[in-house]
N, C-alpha and C. Protein backbone atom coordinates (compact mmCIF):
# COMPACT_ATOMS: atom_id res chain seq x y z
N UNK A 1 15.28 2.65 -6.49
CA UNK A 1 14.06 2.00 -7.07
C UNK A 1 13.25 2.32 -5.52
N UNK A 2 12.54 2.18 -5.54
CA UNK A 2 11.48 1.99 -4.12
C UNK A 2 11.68 0.57 -4.28
N UNK A 3 10.01 0.40 -3.21
CA UNK A 3 9.59 -1.49 -3.00
C UNK A 3 8.55 -1.40 -3.74
N UNK A 4 8.08 -0.20 -3.78
CA UNK A 4 6.20 -0.92 -5.14
C UNK A 4 7.26 -1.07 -6.32
N UNK A 5 8.42 -0.28 -6.43
CA UNK A 5 8.44 -0.55 -8.27
C UNK A 5 9.19 -1.82 -8.59
N UNK A 6 10.05 -2.51 -7.53
CA UNK A 6 10.97 -3.49 -7.09
C UNK A 6 9.38 -4.52 -6.59
N UNK A 7 8.44 -4.21 -6.29
CA UNK A 7 6.88 -5.61 -6.55
C UNK A 7 6.94 -5.80 -7.29
N UNK A 8 6.65 -4.36 -8.02
CA UNK A 8 5.76 -4.93 -9.26
C UNK A 8 6.91 -5.59 -10.95
N UNK A 9 8.10 -5.60 -10.43
CA UNK A 9 9.01 -5.79 -11.32
C UNK A 9 9.08 -7.70 -10.48
N UNK A 10 8.85 -7.91 -9.89
CA UNK A 10 8.64 -8.88 -8.92
C UNK A 10 7.17 -9.90 -9.95
N UNK A 11 6.09 -9.43 -9.37
CA UNK A 11 4.87 -9.10 -10.36
C UNK A 11 5.16 -10.00 -11.36
N UNK A 12 5.66 -8.78 -12.17
CA UNK A 12 4.91 -9.09 -13.88
C UNK A 12 6.15 -10.18 -13.57
N UNK A 13 7.81 -11.01 -13.03
CA UNK A 13 7.94 -12.29 -13.56
C UNK A 13 7.81 -12.98 -12.84
N UNK A 14 6.76 -12.86 -11.65
CA UNK A 14 5.58 -14.37 -11.32
C UNK A 14 4.84 -14.29 -12.39
N UNK A 15 3.91 -12.96 -13.33
CA UNK A 15 3.63 -13.70 -13.83
C UNK A 15 3.79 -14.31 -15.39
N UNK A 16 5.26 -13.44 -16.03
CA UNK A 16 5.80 -13.99 -16.45
C UNK A 16 6.18 -15.96 -17.05
N UNK A 17 6.22 -16.34 -15.67
CA UNK A 17 6.45 -17.42 -15.16
C UNK A 17 5.90 -18.74 -14.56
N UNK A 18 4.29 -18.09 -14.04
CA UNK A 18 3.93 -18.55 -13.71
C UNK A 18 3.09 -20.28 -14.07
N UNK A 19 3.11 -20.39 -15.40
CA UNK A 19 2.72 -22.39 -15.88
C UNK A 19 3.78 -22.87 -15.44
N UNK A 20 5.36 -22.59 -15.72
CA UNK A 20 6.24 -23.29 -15.74
C UNK A 20 6.78 -23.42 -13.71
N UNK A 21 5.78 -23.20 -12.69
CA UNK A 21 6.38 -23.29 -11.82
C UNK A 21 5.66 -24.37 -11.37
N UNK A 22 6.35 -25.42 -9.71
CA UNK A 22 5.17 -25.86 -9.40
C UNK A 22 3.97 -25.78 -8.19
N UNK A 23 4.06 -26.18 -8.80
CA UNK A 23 2.12 -26.29 -7.80
C UNK A 23 2.48 -25.32 -6.58
N UNK A 24 2.93 -26.29 -5.84
CA UNK A 24 3.17 -25.59 -4.68
C UNK A 24 3.50 -24.01 -4.57
N UNK A 25 4.75 -24.10 -5.11
CA UNK A 25 5.30 -21.80 -5.23
C UNK A 25 4.08 -22.21 -5.58
N UNK A 26 3.28 -22.36 -6.95
CA UNK A 26 1.80 -21.09 -7.80
C UNK A 26 1.26 -20.77 -5.96
N UNK A 27 0.80 -21.61 -5.26
CA UNK A 27 -0.19 -21.73 -4.00
C UNK A 27 0.64 -20.83 -3.03
N UNK A 28 1.60 -21.12 -2.94
CA UNK A 28 2.51 -20.13 -1.55
C UNK A 28 1.98 -18.71 -1.90
N UNK A 29 2.56 -18.26 -3.76
CA UNK A 29 2.62 -17.18 -4.27
C UNK A 29 1.34 -16.28 -3.90
N UNK A 30 0.15 -17.47 -4.66
CA UNK A 30 -1.43 -16.83 -4.66
C UNK A 30 -1.26 -16.19 -2.89
N UNK A 31 -1.47 -16.91 -2.39
CA UNK A 31 -1.67 -16.90 -0.77
C UNK A 31 -0.96 -15.79 -0.49
N UNK A 32 0.47 -15.59 -0.84
CA UNK A 32 0.98 -14.78 -0.29
C UNK A 32 0.54 -13.16 -0.71
N UNK A 33 -0.14 -13.51 -1.76
CA UNK A 33 -0.34 -12.35 -2.55
C UNK A 33 -2.60 -12.23 -2.37
N UNK A 34 -3.30 -12.62 -1.28
CA UNK A 34 -4.72 -12.09 -1.18
C UNK A 34 -4.50 -12.24 -0.43
N UNK A 35 -5.42 -11.70 0.61
CA UNK A 35 -5.90 -11.00 2.51
C UNK A 35 -7.37 -11.35 2.25
N UNK A 36 -8.15 -11.65 1.27
CA UNK A 36 -9.38 -12.06 1.11
C UNK A 36 -9.58 -13.44 0.10
N UNK A 37 -11.68 -13.20 0.10
CA UNK A 37 -11.78 -14.39 -0.88
C UNK A 37 -12.40 -13.54 -2.41
N UNK A 38 -12.78 -12.84 -1.60
CA UNK A 38 -13.27 -11.49 -2.71
C UNK A 38 -11.56 -11.62 -3.85
N UNK A 39 -10.69 -11.03 -3.46
CA UNK A 39 -9.54 -11.00 -4.05
C UNK A 39 -8.99 -11.86 -4.56
N UNK A 40 -8.83 -12.94 -3.58
CA UNK A 40 -8.16 -14.60 -4.22
C UNK A 40 -9.40 -15.21 -5.25
N UNK A 41 -10.32 -15.01 -5.18
CA UNK A 41 -11.78 -15.32 -6.28
C UNK A 41 -11.35 -13.69 -7.71
N UNK A 42 -11.12 -13.43 -7.66
CA UNK A 42 -10.51 -12.42 -8.73
C UNK A 42 -8.90 -12.80 -9.38
N UNK A 43 -8.62 -12.94 -8.53
CA UNK A 43 -7.19 -13.02 -8.33
C UNK A 43 -6.19 -15.07 -10.14
N UNK A 44 -7.76 -15.72 -8.84
CA UNK A 44 -8.23 -17.57 -9.55
C UNK A 44 -7.85 -17.15 -10.69
N UNK A 45 -9.45 -15.91 -10.77
CA UNK A 45 -9.69 -15.77 -12.48
C UNK A 45 -9.10 -15.62 -13.35
N UNK A 46 -8.45 -14.32 -13.11
CA UNK A 46 -7.25 -13.39 -13.87
C UNK A 46 -6.43 -14.88 -13.79
N UNK A 47 -5.55 -15.83 -13.25
CA UNK A 47 -4.57 -16.15 -13.48
C UNK A 47 -5.65 -17.51 -14.33
N UNK A 48 -6.36 -18.47 -14.43
CA UNK A 48 -6.76 -19.17 -15.17
C UNK A 48 -7.39 -19.01 -16.76
N UNK A 49 -7.64 -17.62 -16.76
CA UNK A 49 -8.00 -16.68 -17.75
C UNK A 49 -6.33 -15.83 -18.45
N UNK A 50 -5.39 -16.09 -18.25
CA UNK A 50 -3.79 -15.97 -18.58
C UNK A 50 -2.81 -17.00 -18.76
N UNK A 51 -3.27 -17.67 -18.14
CA UNK A 51 -2.29 -19.13 -18.45
C UNK A 51 -2.99 -20.89 -18.01
N UNK A 52 -4.19 -20.72 -19.62
CA UNK A 52 -4.97 -21.93 -18.90
C UNK A 52 -4.57 -23.19 -18.43
N UNK A 53 -2.94 -23.55 -19.46
CA UNK A 53 -2.44 -24.43 -18.79
C UNK A 53 -2.06 -24.60 -18.06
N UNK A 54 -2.06 -24.71 -16.80
CA UNK A 54 -1.91 -24.16 -15.00
C UNK A 54 -2.95 -24.64 -14.96
N UNK A 55 -3.46 -25.49 -15.29
CA UNK A 55 -4.61 -26.43 -14.14
C UNK A 55 -4.08 -27.67 -14.60
N UNK A 56 -4.28 -28.01 -12.45
CA UNK A 56 -3.23 -29.19 -12.31
C UNK A 56 -4.28 -30.42 -12.42
N UNK A 57 -4.00 -31.74 -12.16
CA UNK A 57 -4.99 -32.41 -12.07
C UNK A 57 -4.49 -32.94 -10.52
N UNK A 58 -5.76 -33.24 -10.39
CA UNK A 58 -6.27 -33.55 -8.80
C UNK A 58 -5.17 -34.16 -7.66
N UNK A 59 -5.24 -34.05 -7.07
CA UNK A 59 -4.02 -34.26 -5.47
C UNK A 59 -4.98 -35.74 -5.44
N UNK A 60 -3.12 -36.15 -5.46
CA UNK A 60 -3.74 -38.22 -4.97
C UNK A 60 -4.70 -38.17 -4.63
N UNK A 61 -5.44 -37.59 -3.38
CA UNK A 61 -5.99 -39.15 -2.53
C UNK A 61 -7.39 -38.36 -3.50
N UNK A 62 -7.56 -37.03 -3.66
CA UNK A 62 -9.33 -37.35 -5.11
C UNK A 62 -8.93 -38.27 -5.95
N UNK A 63 -7.54 -38.28 -6.13
CA UNK A 63 -7.64 -39.41 -7.38
C UNK A 63 -7.91 -40.93 -7.02
N UNK A 64 -7.42 -40.90 -5.96
CA UNK A 64 -7.36 -42.43 -4.88
C UNK A 64 -8.70 -42.76 -4.65
N UNK A 65 -9.24 -41.19 -3.96
CA UNK A 65 -11.20 -41.97 -3.97
C UNK A 65 -11.72 -42.16 -4.93
N UNK A 66 -11.72 -41.55 -6.54
CA UNK A 66 -12.38 -42.05 -7.60
C UNK A 66 -12.41 -42.80 -8.16
N UNK A 67 -11.04 -43.81 -7.68
CA UNK A 67 -11.17 -45.11 -8.50
C UNK A 67 -12.03 -46.15 -7.19
N UNK A 68 -12.12 -45.56 -6.42
CA UNK A 68 -12.06 -46.54 -5.03
C UNK A 68 -13.68 -46.07 -5.14
N UNK A 69 -13.59 -45.41 -5.79
CA UNK A 69 -15.10 -45.10 -5.05
C UNK A 69 -15.58 -44.98 -4.08
N UNK A 70 -14.98 -43.58 -3.45
CA UNK A 70 -14.72 -43.45 -1.60
C UNK A 70 -14.81 -42.42 -1.67
N UNK A 71 -14.92 -41.52 -0.60
CA UNK A 71 -15.20 -40.23 -1.02
C UNK A 71 -13.77 -39.57 -0.62
N UNK A 72 -13.73 -38.68 -0.96
CA UNK A 72 -12.81 -37.36 -0.86
C UNK A 72 -11.48 -37.60 0.88
N UNK A 73 -10.83 -38.07 0.69
CA UNK A 73 -10.21 -37.82 2.46
C UNK A 73 -10.52 -35.57 3.26
């Protein structure tokens, strides 16, 4: 097998387990997969359309700011 075939296999596997991955793993895979904003936006849309359950709660700083009535850090 060549590198392209292995990359395809790993890509398909990542899509299968995406909603079960921890947020930091999702973010690392996403960052490694994209190299510009256009591709990033398209990939984000694809992932959210395919796995709507992957929506994560806001980061704690945003949550805390909302309760304090303050601005996000």
